[in-house]
PDB file of N, CA and C in Angstrom:
ATOM      1  N   UNK A   1    -218.403  -2.129-168.354  1.00  0.00           N
ATOM      2  CA  UNK A   1    -218.459  -2.659-169.700  1.00  0.00           C
ATOM      3  C   UNK A   1    -217.089  -2.429-170.335  1.00  0.00           C
ATOM      4  N   UNK A   2    -216.303  -3.497-170.419  1.00  0.00           N
ATOM      5  CA  UNK A   2    -214.926  -3.373-170.897  1.00  0.00           C
ATOM      6  C   UNK A   2    -214.578  -4.549-171.800  1.00  0.00           C
ATOM      7  N   UNK A   3    -213.354  -4.564-172.264  1.00  0.00           N
ATOM      8  CA  UNK A   3    -212.941  -5.594-173.221  1.00  0.00           C
ATOM      9  C   UNK A   3    -212.629  -6.936-172.584  1.00  0.00           C
ATOM     10  N   UNK A   4    -212.488  -7.007-171.288  1.00  0.00           N
ATOM     11  CA  UNK A   4    -212.120  -8.262-170.627  1.00  0.00           C
ATOM     12  C   UNK A   4    -213.038  -9.417-170.980  1.00  0.00           C
ATOM     13  N   UNK A   5    -214.338  -9.218-170.861  1.00  0.00           N
ATOM     14  CA  UNK A   5    -215.258 -10.310-171.169  1.00  0.00           C
ATOM     15  C   UNK A   5    -215.287 -10.612-172.660  1.00  0.00           C
ATOM     16  N   UNK A   6    -215.039  -9.617-173.501  1.00  0.00           N
ATOM     17  CA  UNK A   6    -214.987  -9.863-174.947  1.00  0.00           C
ATOM     18  C   UNK A   6    -213.811 -10.762-175.300  1.00  0.00           C
ATOM     19  N   UNK A   7    -212.676 -10.496-174.688  1.00  0.00           N
ATOM     20  CA  UNK A   7    -211.487 -11.317-174.939  1.00  0.00           C
ATOM     21  C   UNK A   7    -211.713 -12.745-174.460  1.00  0.00           C
ATOM     22  N   UNK A   8    -212.332 -12.901-173.303  1.00  0.00           N
ATOM     23  CA  UNK A   8    -212.618 -14.238-172.792  1.00  0.00           C
ATOM     24  C   UNK A   8    -213.588 -14.975-173.708  1.00  0.00           C
ATOM     25  N   UNK A   9    -214.629 -14.298-174.125  1.00  0.00           N
ATOM     26  CA  UNK A   9    -215.604 -14.942-174.998  1.00  0.00           C
ATOM     27  C   UNK A   9    -215.002 -15.295-176.350  1.00  0.00           C
ATOM     28  N   UNK A  10    -214.185 -14.413-176.902  1.00  0.00           N
ATOM     29  CA  UNK A  10    -213.544 -14.690-178.188  1.00  0.00           C
ATOM     30  C   UNK A  10    -212.578 -15.863-178.083  1.00  0.00           C
ATOM     31  N   UNK A  11    -212.058 -16.103-176.890  1.00  0.00           N
ATOM     32  CA  UNK A  11    -211.178 -17.249-176.655  1.00  0.00           C
ATOM     33  C   UNK A  11    -211.971 -18.479-176.223  1.00  0.00           C
ATOM     34  N   UNK A  12    -213.285 -18.333-176.159  1.00  0.00           N
ATOM     35  CA  UNK A  12    -214.198 -19.392-175.737  1.00  0.00           C
ATOM     36  C   UNK A  12    -213.868 -19.880-174.324  1.00  0.00           C
ATOM     37  N   UNK A  13    -213.580 -18.935-173.459  1.00  0.00           N
ATOM     38  CA  UNK A  13    -213.285 -19.213-172.058  1.00  0.00           C
ATOM     39  C   UNK A  13    -214.520 -18.849-171.240  1.00  0.00           C
ATOM     40  N   UNK A  14    -214.965 -19.716-170.341  1.00  0.00           N
ATOM     41  CA  UNK A  14    -216.183 -19.427-169.571  1.00  0.00           C
ATOM     42  C   UNK A  14    -216.136 -18.070-168.869  1.00  0.00           C
ATOM     43  N   UNK A  15    -217.214 -17.347-168.991  1.00  0.00           N
ATOM     44  CA  UNK A  15    -217.293 -16.019-168.395  1.00  0.00           C
ATOM     45  C   UNK A  15    -218.734 -15.728-167.990  1.00  0.00           C
ATOM     46  N   UNK A  16    -218.884 -15.019-166.893  1.00  0.00           N
ATOM     47  CA  UNK A  16    -220.171 -14.489-166.469  1.00  0.00           C
ATOM     48  C   UNK A  16    -220.040 -12.972-166.456  1.00  0.00           C
ATOM     49  N   UNK A  17    -221.064 -12.304-166.927  1.00  0.00           N
ATOM     50  CA  UNK A  17    -221.045 -10.845-167.021  1.00  0.00           C
ATOM     51  C   UNK A  17    -222.121 -10.276-166.108  1.00  0.00           C
ATOM     52  N   UNK A  18    -221.721  -9.315-165.291  1.00  0.00           N
ATOM     53  CA  UNK A  18    -222.690  -8.566-164.496  1.00  0.00           C
ATOM     54  C   UNK A  18    -222.671  -7.126-164.980  1.00  0.00           C
ATOM     55  N   UNK A  19    -223.836  -6.620-165.265  1.00  0.00           N
ATOM     56  CA  UNK A  19    -223.959  -5.239-165.719  1.00  0.00           C
ATOM     57  C   UNK A  19    -225.218  -4.654-165.117  1.00  0.00           C
ATOM     58  N   UNK A  20    -225.066  -3.617-164.310  1.00  0.00           N
ATOM     59  CA  UNK A  20    -226.203  -2.948-163.702  1.00  0.00           C
ATOM     60  C   UNK A  20    -226.761  -1.957-164.715  1.00  0.00           C
ATOM     61  N   UNK A  21    -227.758  -2.381-165.436  1.00  0.00           N
ATOM     62  CA  UNK A  21    -228.317  -1.571-166.524  1.00  0.00           C
ATOM     63  C   UNK A  21    -229.089  -0.360-166.011  1.00  0.00           C
ATOM     64  N   UNK A  22    -229.439  -0.356-164.739  1.00  0.00           N
ATOM     65  CA  UNK A  22    -230.144   0.797-164.180  1.00  0.00           C
ATOM     66  C   UNK A  22    -229.191   1.968-163.987  1.00  0.00           C
ATOM     67  N   UNK A  23    -227.963   1.668-163.574  1.00  0.00           N
ATOM     68  CA  UNK A  23    -226.977   2.721-163.331  1.00  0.00           C
ATOM     69  C   UNK A  23    -226.182   3.077-164.585  1.00  0.00           C
ATOM     70  N   UNK A  24    -225.897   2.093-165.395  1.00  0.00           N
ATOM     71  CA  UNK A  24    -225.119   2.296-166.622  1.00  0.00           C
ATOM     72  C   UNK A  24    -225.855   1.652-167.784  1.00  0.00           C
ATOM     73  N   UNK A  25    -226.662   2.436-168.434  1.00  0.00           N
ATOM     74  CA  UNK A  25    -227.534   1.942-169.494  1.00  0.00           C
ATOM     75  C   UNK A  25    -226.727   1.432-170.683  1.00  0.00           C
ATOM     76  N   UNK A  26    -227.118   0.262-171.183  1.00  0.00           N
ATOM     77  CA  UNK A  26    -226.549  -0.234-172.436  1.00  0.00           C
ATOM     78  C   UNK A  26    -227.111   0.611-173.574  1.00  0.00           C
ATOM     79  N   UNK A  27    -226.321   0.750-174.618  1.00  0.00           N
ATOM     80  CA  UNK A  27    -226.829   1.449-175.798  1.00  0.00           C
ATOM     81  C   UNK A  27    -228.042   0.690-176.339  1.00  0.00           C
ATOM     82  N   UNK A  28    -228.996   1.403-176.880  1.00  0.00           N
ATOM     83  CA  UNK A  28    -230.195   0.766-177.421  1.00  0.00           C
ATOM     84  C   UNK A  28    -229.857  -0.283-178.473  1.00  0.00           C
ATOM     85  N   UNK A  29    -228.907   0.025-179.343  1.00  0.00           N
ATOM     86  CA  UNK A  29    -228.559  -0.934-180.397  1.00  0.00           C
ATOM     87  C   UNK A  29    -227.810  -2.145-179.841  1.00  0.00           C
ATOM     88  N   UNK A  30    -227.233  -2.025-178.657  1.00  0.00           N
ATOM     89  CA  UNK A  30    -226.509  -3.145-178.047  1.00  0.00           C
ATOM     90  C   UNK A  30    -227.428  -4.012-177.194  1.00  0.00           C
ATOM     91  N   UNK A  31    -228.486  -3.422-176.689  1.00  0.00           N
ATOM     92  CA  UNK A  31    -229.370  -4.127-175.761  1.00  0.00           C
ATOM     93  C   UNK A  31    -229.908  -5.432-176.350  1.00  0.00           C
ATOM     94  N   UNK A  32    -230.305  -5.405-177.609  1.00  0.00           N
ATOM     95  CA  UNK A  32    -230.859  -6.613-178.233  1.00  0.00           C
ATOM     96  C   UNK A  32    -229.824  -7.737-178.313  1.00  0.00           C
ATOM     97  N   UNK A  33    -228.546  -7.378-178.425  1.00  0.00           N
ATOM     98  CA  UNK A  33    -227.493  -8.392-178.514  1.00  0.00           C
ATOM     99  C   UNK A  33    -227.207  -9.055-177.174  1.00  0.00           C
ATOM    100  N   UNK A  34    -227.597  -8.404-176.099  1.00  0.00           N
ATOM    101  CA  UNK A  34    -227.384  -8.973-174.772  1.00  0.00           C
ATOM    102  C   UNK A  34    -228.523  -9.906-174.354  1.00  0.00           C
ATOM    103  N   UNK A  35    -229.634  -9.861-175.057  1.00  0.00           N
ATOM    104  CA  UNK A  35    -230.782 -10.704-174.700  1.00  0.00           C
ATOM    105  C   UNK A  35    -230.417 -12.183-174.769  1.00  0.00           C
ATOM    106  N   UNK A  36    -229.759 -12.593-175.854  1.00  0.00           N
ATOM    107  CA  UNK A  36    -229.385 -13.999-175.999  1.00  0.00           C
ATOM    108  C   UNK A  36    -228.366 -14.407-174.929  1.00  0.00           C
ATOM    109  N   UNK A  37    -227.463 -13.484-174.574  1.00  0.00           N
ATOM    110  CA  UNK A  37    -226.514 -13.780-173.492  1.00  0.00           C
ATOM    111  C   UNK A  37    -227.248 -13.956-172.172  1.00  0.00           C
ATOM    112  N   UNK A  38    -228.281 -13.162-171.967  1.00  0.00           N
ATOM    113  CA  UNK A  38    -229.064 -13.266-170.743  1.00  0.00           C
ATOM    114  C   UNK A  38    -229.814 -14.594-170.706  1.00  0.00           C
ATOM    115  N   UNK A  39    -230.385 -15.002-171.833  1.00  0.00           N
ATOM    116  CA  UNK A  39    -231.108 -16.271-171.904  1.00  0.00           C
ATOM    117  C   UNK A  39    -230.172 -17.460-171.661  1.00  0.00           C
ATOM    118  N   UNK A  40    -228.909 -17.328-172.065  1.00  0.00           N
ATOM    119  CA  UNK A  40    -227.920 -18.393-171.863  1.00  0.00           C
ATOM    120  C   UNK A  40    -227.260 -18.304-170.486  1.00  0.00           C
ATOM    121  N   UNK A  41    -227.687 -17.350-169.693  1.00  0.00           N
ATOM    122  CA  UNK A  41    -227.171 -17.147-168.327  1.00  0.00           C
ATOM    123  C   UNK A  41    -225.698 -16.714-168.305  1.00  0.00           C
ATOM    124  N   UNK A  42    -225.268 -16.033-169.355  1.00  0.00           N
ATOM    125  CA  UNK A  42    -223.928 -15.453-169.387  1.00  0.00           C
ATOM    126  C   UNK A  42    -224.007 -14.032-168.829  1.00  0.00           C
ATOM    127  N   UNK A  43    -224.994 -13.284-169.287  1.00  0.00           N
ATOM    128  CA  UNK A  43    -225.193 -11.899-168.863  1.00  0.00           C
ATOM    129  C   UNK A  43    -226.227 -11.855-167.740  1.00  0.00           C
ATOM    130  N   UNK A  44    -225.907 -11.093-166.699  1.00  0.00           N
ATOM    131  CA  UNK A  44    -226.814 -10.939-165.550  1.00  0.00           C
ATOM    132  C   UNK A  44    -226.916  -9.461-165.205  1.00  0.00           C
ATOM    133  N   UNK A  45    -228.135  -9.016-164.953  1.00  0.00           N
ATOM    134  CA  UNK A  45    -228.323  -7.612-164.583  1.00  0.00           C
ATOM    135  C   UNK A  45    -228.633  -7.439-163.103  1.00  0.00           C
ATOM    136  N   UNK A  46    -228.438  -8.522-162.348  1.00  0.00           N
ATOM    137  CA  UNK A  46    -228.551  -8.410-160.890  1.00  0.00           C
ATOM    138  C   UNK A  46    -227.523  -9.343-160.247  1.00  0.00           C
ATOM    139  N   UNK A  47    -227.044  -8.940-159.104  1.00  0.00           N
ATOM    140  CA  UNK A  47    -226.082  -9.754-158.364  1.00  0.00           C
ATOM    141  C   UNK A  47    -226.731 -11.078-157.970  1.00  0.00           C
ATOM    142  N   UNK A  48    -228.002 -11.032-157.614  1.00  0.00           N
ATOM    143  CA  UNK A  48    -228.713 -12.248-157.209  1.00  0.00           C
ATOM    144  C   UNK A  48    -228.769 -13.262-158.345  1.00  0.00           C
ATOM    145  N   UNK A  49    -229.068 -12.802-159.535  1.00  0.00           N
ATOM    146  CA  UNK A  49    -229.134 -13.694-160.693  1.00  0.00           C
ATOM    147  C   UNK A  49    -227.779 -14.344-160.962  1.00  0.00           C
ATOM    148  N   UNK A  50    -226.735 -13.535-160.951  1.00  0.00           N
ATOM    149  CA  UNK A  50    -225.391 -14.055-161.191  1.00  0.00           C
ATOM    150  C   UNK A  50    -224.997 -15.053-160.109  1.00  0.00           C
ATOM    151  N   UNK A  51    -225.237 -14.716-158.861  1.00  0.00           N
ATOM    152  CA  UNK A  51    -224.880 -15.583-157.740  1.00  0.00           C
ATOM    153  C   UNK A  51    -225.626 -16.909-157.813  1.00  0.00           C
ATOM    154  N   UNK A  52    -226.924 -16.856-158.066  1.00  0.00           N
ATOM    155  CA  UNK A  52    -227.718 -18.082-158.163  1.00  0.00           C
ATOM    156  C   UNK A  52    -227.235 -18.979-159.297  1.00  0.00           C
ATOM    157  N   UNK A  53    -226.932 -18.366-160.426  1.00  0.00           N
ATOM    158  CA  UNK A  53    -226.456 -19.163-161.562  1.00  0.00           C
ATOM    159  C   UNK A  53    -225.089 -19.779-161.258  1.00  0.00           C
ATOM    160  N   UNK A  54    -224.204 -19.007-160.677  1.00  0.00           N
ATOM    161  CA  UNK A  54    -222.878 -19.527-160.339  1.00  0.00           C
ATOM    162  C   UNK A  54    -222.981 -20.706-159.367  1.00  0.00           C
ATOM    163  N   UNK A  55    -223.859 -20.596-158.396  1.00  0.00           N
ATOM    164  CA  UNK A  55    -224.054 -21.701-157.459  1.00  0.00           C
ATOM    165  C   UNK A  55    -224.598 -22.943-158.168  1.00  0.00           C
ATOM    166  N   UNK A  56    -225.421 -22.736-159.200  1.00  0.00           N
ATOM    167  CA  UNK A  56    -225.974 -23.862-159.947  1.00  0.00           C
ATOM    168  C   UNK A  56    -224.919 -24.579-160.804  1.00  0.00           C
ATOM    169  N   UNK A  57    -223.989 -23.823-161.374  1.00  0.00           N
ATOM    170  CA  UNK A  57    -223.030 -24.410-162.324  1.00  0.00           C
ATOM    171  C   UNK A  57    -221.662 -24.690-161.729  1.00  0.00           C
ATOM    172  N   UNK A  58    -221.428 -24.284-160.489  1.00  0.00           N
ATOM    173  CA  UNK A  58    -220.075 -24.325-159.932  1.00  0.00           C
ATOM    174  C   UNK A  58    -219.418 -25.704-159.969  1.00  0.00           C
ATOM    175  N   UNK A  59    -220.189 -26.763-159.902  1.00  0.00           N
ATOM    176  CA  UNK A  59    -219.604 -28.100-159.907  1.00  0.00           C
ATOM    177  C   UNK A  59    -219.278 -28.592-161.318  1.00  0.00           C
ATOM    178  N   UNK A  60    -219.864 -27.955-162.325  1.00  0.00           N
ATOM    179  CA  UNK A  60    -219.580 -28.363-163.701  1.00  0.00           C
ATOM    180  C   UNK A  60    -219.756 -27.185-164.657  1.00  0.00           C
ATOM    181  N   UNK A  61    -218.863 -26.242-164.538  1.00  0.00           N
ATOM    182  CA  UNK A  61    -218.913 -25.042-165.371  1.00  0.00           C
ATOM    183  C   UNK A  61    -218.755 -25.407-166.847  1.00  0.00           C
ATOM    184  N   UNK A  62    -217.882 -26.357-167.133  1.00  0.00           N
ATOM    185  CA  UNK A  62    -217.639 -26.765-168.530  1.00  0.00           C
ATOM    186  C   UNK A  62    -218.911 -27.280-169.196  1.00  0.00           C
ATOM    187  N   UNK A  63    -219.710 -28.039-168.486  1.00  0.00           N
ATOM    188  CA  UNK A  63    -220.949 -28.576-169.077  1.00  0.00           C
ATOM    189  C   UNK A  63    -221.872 -27.427-169.490  1.00  0.00           C
ATOM    190  N   UNK A  64    -222.019 -26.423-168.607  1.00  0.00           N
ATOM    191  CA  UNK A  64    -222.840 -25.258-168.935  1.00  0.00           C
ATOM    192  C   UNK A  64    -222.232 -24.496-170.116  1.00  0.00           C
ATOM    193  N   UNK A  65    -220.929 -24.265-170.077  1.00  0.00           N
ATOM    194  CA  UNK A  65    -220.283 -23.463-171.103  1.00  0.00           C
ATOM    195  C   UNK A  65    -220.333 -24.149-172.475  1.00  0.00           C
ATOM    196  N   UNK A  66    -220.191 -25.450-172.508  1.00  0.00           N
ATOM    197  CA  UNK A  66    -220.170 -26.196-173.766  1.00  0.00           C
ATOM    198  C   UNK A  66    -221.568 -26.516-174.291  1.00  0.00           C
ATOM    199  N   UNK A  67    -222.595 -26.227-173.514  1.00  0.00           N
ATOM    200  CA  UNK A  67    -223.969 -26.453-173.944  1.00  0.00           C
ATOM    201  C   UNK A  67    -224.251 -25.677-175.235  1.00  0.00           C
ATOM    202  N   UNK A  68    -225.012 -26.264-176.129  1.00  0.00           N
ATOM    203  CA  UNK A  68    -225.285 -25.658-177.438  1.00  0.00           C
ATOM    204  C   UNK A  68    -225.902 -24.260-177.314  1.00  0.00           C
ATOM    205  N   UNK A  69    -226.830 -24.079-176.388  1.00  0.00           N
ATOM    206  CA  UNK A  69    -227.469 -22.764-176.211  1.00  0.00           C
ATOM    207  C   UNK A  69    -226.435 -21.711-175.810  1.00  0.00           C
ATOM    208  N   UNK A  70    -225.553 -22.079-174.886  1.00  0.00           N
ATOM    209  CA  UNK A  70    -224.513 -21.153-174.433  1.00  0.00           C
ATOM    210  C   UNK A  70    -223.544 -20.848-175.570  1.00  0.00           C
ATOM    211  N   UNK A  71    -223.091 -21.875-176.262  1.00  0.00           N
ATOM    212  CA  UNK A  71    -222.130 -21.678-177.352  1.00  0.00           C
ATOM    213  C   UNK A  71    -222.717 -20.862-178.502  1.00  0.00           C
ATOM    214  N   UNK A  72    -223.979 -21.080-178.820  1.00  0.00           N
ATOM    215  CA  UNK A  72    -224.623 -20.276-179.871  1.00  0.00           C
ATOM    216  C   UNK A  72    -224.693 -18.813-179.472  1.00  0.00           C
ATOM    217  N   UNK A  73    -225.012 -18.556-178.211  1.00  0.00           N
ATOM    218  CA  UNK A  73    -225.072 -17.174-177.728  1.00  0.00           C
ATOM    219  C   UNK A  73    -223.694 -16.524-177.808  1.00  0.00           C
ATOM    220  N   UNK A  74    -222.662 -17.264-177.427  1.00  0.00           N
ATOM    221  CA  UNK A  74    -221.289 -16.739-177.474  1.00  0.00           C
ATOM    222  C   UNK A  74    -220.898 -16.423-178.916  1.00  0.00           C
ATOM    223  N   UNK A  75    -221.120 -17.363-179.806  1.00  0.00           N
ATOM    224  CA  UNK A  75    -220.724 -17.167-181.214  1.00  0.00           C
ATOM    225  C   UNK A  75    -221.473 -16.003-181.853  1.00  0.00           C
ATOM    226  N   UNK A  76    -222.773 -15.916-181.611  1.00  0.00           N
ATOM    227  CA  UNK A  76    -223.555 -14.813-182.180  1.00  0.00           C
ATOM    228  C   UNK A  76    -223.086 -13.470-181.644  1.00  0.00           C
ATOM    229  N   UNK A  77    -222.817 -13.407-180.351  1.00  0.00           N
ATOM    230  CA  UNK A  77    -222.363 -12.163-179.743  1.00  0.00           C
ATOM    231  C   UNK A  77    -220.981 -11.777-180.278  1.00  0.00           C
ATOM    232  N   UNK A  78    -220.102 -12.763-180.388  1.00  0.00           N
ATOM    233  CA  UNK A  78    -218.742 -12.495-180.866  1.00  0.00           C
ATOM    234  C   UNK A  78    -218.722 -12.054-182.326  1.00  0.00           C
ATOM    235  N   UNK A  79    -219.677 -12.502-183.106  1.00  0.00           N
ATOM    236  CA  UNK A  79    -219.755 -12.058-184.510  1.00  0.00           C
ATOM    237  C   UNK A  79    -219.919 -10.546-184.587  1.00  0.00           C
ATOM    238  N   UNK A  80    -220.614  -9.983-183.611  1.00  0.00           N
ATOM    239  CA  UNK A  80    -220.878  -8.544-183.601  1.00  0.00           C
ATOM    240  C   UNK A  80    -219.788  -7.765-182.862  1.00  0.00           C
ATOM    241  N   UNK A  81    -219.312  -8.298-181.721  1.00  0.00           N
ATOM    242  CA  UNK A  81    -218.454  -7.508-180.840  1.00  0.00           C
ATOM    243  C   UNK A  81    -217.024  -8.005-180.665  1.00  0.00           C
ATOM    244  N   UNK A  82    -216.748  -9.227-181.021  1.00  0.00           N
ATOM    245  CA  UNK A  82    -215.399  -9.770-180.821  1.00  0.00           C
ATOM    246  C   UNK A  82    -215.096 -10.735-181.958  1.00  0.00           C
ATOM    247  N   UNK A  83    -213.873 -10.750-182.361  1.00  0.00           N
ATOM    248  CA  UNK A  83    -213.475 -11.609-183.460  1.00  0.00           C
ATOM    249  C   UNK A  83    -213.293 -13.033-182.960  1.00  0.00           C
ATOM    250  N   UNK A  84    -214.282 -13.866-183.214  1.00  0.00           N
ATOM    251  CA  UNK A  84    -214.232 -15.263-182.773  1.00  0.00           C
ATOM    252  C   UNK A  84    -213.485 -16.073-183.824  1.00  0.00           C
ATOM    253  N   UNK A  85    -212.301 -16.545-183.477  1.00  0.00           N
ATOM    254  CA  UNK A  85    -211.477 -17.301-184.417  1.00  0.00           C
ATOM    255  C   UNK A  85    -211.281 -18.709-183.882  1.00  0.00           C
ATOM    256  N   UNK A  86    -211.954 -19.685-184.506  1.00  0.00           N
ATOM    257  CA  UNK A  86    -211.710 -21.060-184.068  1.00  0.00           C
ATOM    258  C   UNK A  86    -210.273 -21.459-184.383  1.00  0.00           C
ATOM    259  N   UNK A  87    -209.683 -22.295-183.568  1.00  0.00           N
ATOM    260  CA  UNK A  87    -208.310 -22.769-183.778  1.00  0.00           C
ATOM    261  C   UNK A  87    -207.326 -21.603-183.923  1.00  0.00           C
ATOM    262  N   UNK A  88    -207.440 -20.652-183.031  1.00  0.00           N
ATOM    263  CA  UNK A  88    -206.650 -19.430-183.089  1.00  0.00           C
ATOM    264  C   UNK A  88    -205.145 -19.711-183.111  1.00  0.00           C
ATOM    265  N   UNK A  89    -204.689 -20.638-182.291  1.00  0.00           N
ATOM    266  CA  UNK A  89    -203.251 -20.933-182.240  1.00  0.00           C
ATOM    267  C   UNK A  89    -202.759 -21.526-183.552  1.00  0.00           C
ATOM    268  N   UNK A  90    -203.534 -22.463-184.105  1.00  0.00           N
ATOM    269  CA  UNK A  90    -203.154 -23.078-185.372  1.00  0.00           C
ATOM    270  C   UNK A  90    -203.110 -22.027-186.476  1.00  0.00           C
ATOM    271  N   UNK A  91    -204.086 -21.146-186.492  1.00  0.00           N
ATOM    272  CA  UNK A  91    -204.135 -20.078-187.498  1.00  0.00           C
ATOM    273  C   UNK A  91    -202.920 -19.155-187.357  1.00  0.00           C
ATOM    274  N   UNK A  92    -202.553 -18.811-186.117  1.00  0.00           N
ATOM    275  CA  UNK A  92    -201.394 -17.959-185.882  1.00  0.00           C
ATOM    276  C   UNK A  92    -200.115 -18.630-186.376  1.00  0.00           C
ATOM    277  N   UNK A  93    -199.972 -19.924-186.114  1.00  0.00           N
ATOM    278  CA  UNK A  93    -198.795 -20.658-186.602  1.00  0.00           C
ATOM    279  C   UNK A  93    -198.705 -20.584-188.122  1.00  0.00           C
ATOM    280  N   UNK A  94    -199.838 -20.757-188.784  1.00  0.00           N
ATOM    281  CA  UNK A  94    -199.852 -20.713-190.246  1.00  0.00           C
ATOM    282  C   UNK A  94    -199.507 -19.315-190.765  1.00  0.00           C
ATOM    283  N   UNK A  95    -199.962 -18.296-190.057  1.00  0.00           N
ATOM    284  CA  UNK A  95    -199.631 -16.912-190.440  1.00  0.00           C
ATOM    285  C   UNK A  95    -198.129 -16.686-190.303  1.00  0.00           C
ATOM    286  N   UNK A  96    -197.562 -17.146-189.186  1.00  0.00           N
ATOM    287  CA  UNK A  96    -196.116 -16.985-188.948  1.00  0.00           C
ATOM    288  C   UNK A  96    -195.304 -17.720-190.007  1.00  0.00           C
ATOM    289  N   UNK A  97    -195.758 -18.902-190.385  1.00  0.00           N
ATOM    290  CA  UNK A  97    -195.065 -19.683-191.407  1.00  0.00           C
ATOM    291  C   UNK A  97    -195.280 -19.124-192.814  1.00  0.00           C
ATOM    292  N   UNK A  98    -196.187 -18.180-192.944  1.00  0.00           N
ATOM    293  CA  UNK A  98    -196.470 -17.604-194.249  1.00  0.00           C
ATOM    294  C   UNK A  98    -197.427 -18.436-195.083  1.00  0.00           C
ATOM    295  N   UNK A  99    -198.073 -19.407-194.455  1.00  0.00           N
ATOM    296  CA  UNK A  99    -199.002 -20.273-195.171  1.00  0.00           C
ATOM    297  C   UNK A  99    -200.308 -19.556-195.496  1.00  0.00           C
ATOM    298  N   UNK A 100    -200.686 -18.606-194.655  1.00  0.00           N
ATOM    299  CA  UNK A 100    -201.861 -17.771-194.926  1.00  0.00           C
ATOM    300  C   UNK A 100    -201.522 -16.338-194.534  1.00  0.00           C
ATOM    301  N   UNK A 101    -202.215 -15.419-195.173  1.00  0.00           N
ATOM    302  CA  UNK A 101    -202.012 -14.015-194.851  1.00  0.00           C
ATOM    303  C   UNK A 101    -202.917 -13.635-193.700  1.00  0.00           C
ATOM    304  N   UNK A 102    -202.408 -12.741-192.857  1.00  0.00           N
ATOM    305  CA  UNK A 102    -203.195 -12.254-191.733  1.00  0.00           C
ATOM    306  C   UNK A 102    -204.221 -11.271-192.277  1.00  0.00           C
ATOM    307  N   UNK A 103    -205.481 -11.652-192.184  1.00  0.00           N
ATOM    308  CA  UNK A 103    -206.564 -10.799-192.665  1.00  0.00           C
ATOM    309  C   UNK A 103    -207.128 -10.016-191.505  1.00  0.00           C
ATOM    310  N   UNK A 104    -207.257  -8.739-191.669  1.00  0.00           N
ATOM    311  CA  UNK A 104    -207.811  -7.931-190.585  1.00  0.00           C
ATOM    312  C   UNK A 104    -209.169  -7.456-190.924  1.00  0.00           C
TER     313      UNK A 104
END
């Protein structure tokens, strides 16, 4: 459980997460936030589940990733754990130009 998948999700880049919850338990307060990721087939708690899903989407990963259910799960998760900024590059340009202040 590291920041790599958070950065990918915040950048809206397709990602699959494998987490063995039997060996490394998720925090109780975090577990509920992973349910929607699991339903969208982003989060997998078994190698078999992840492998089967990858085989299903491998020919069109973008279609799966851009699906409304998947995108809603990503956005909801990022609201809690990662700063999801639409049009990140455009926003950065405006910050550099002084058109908007960088809000943290």
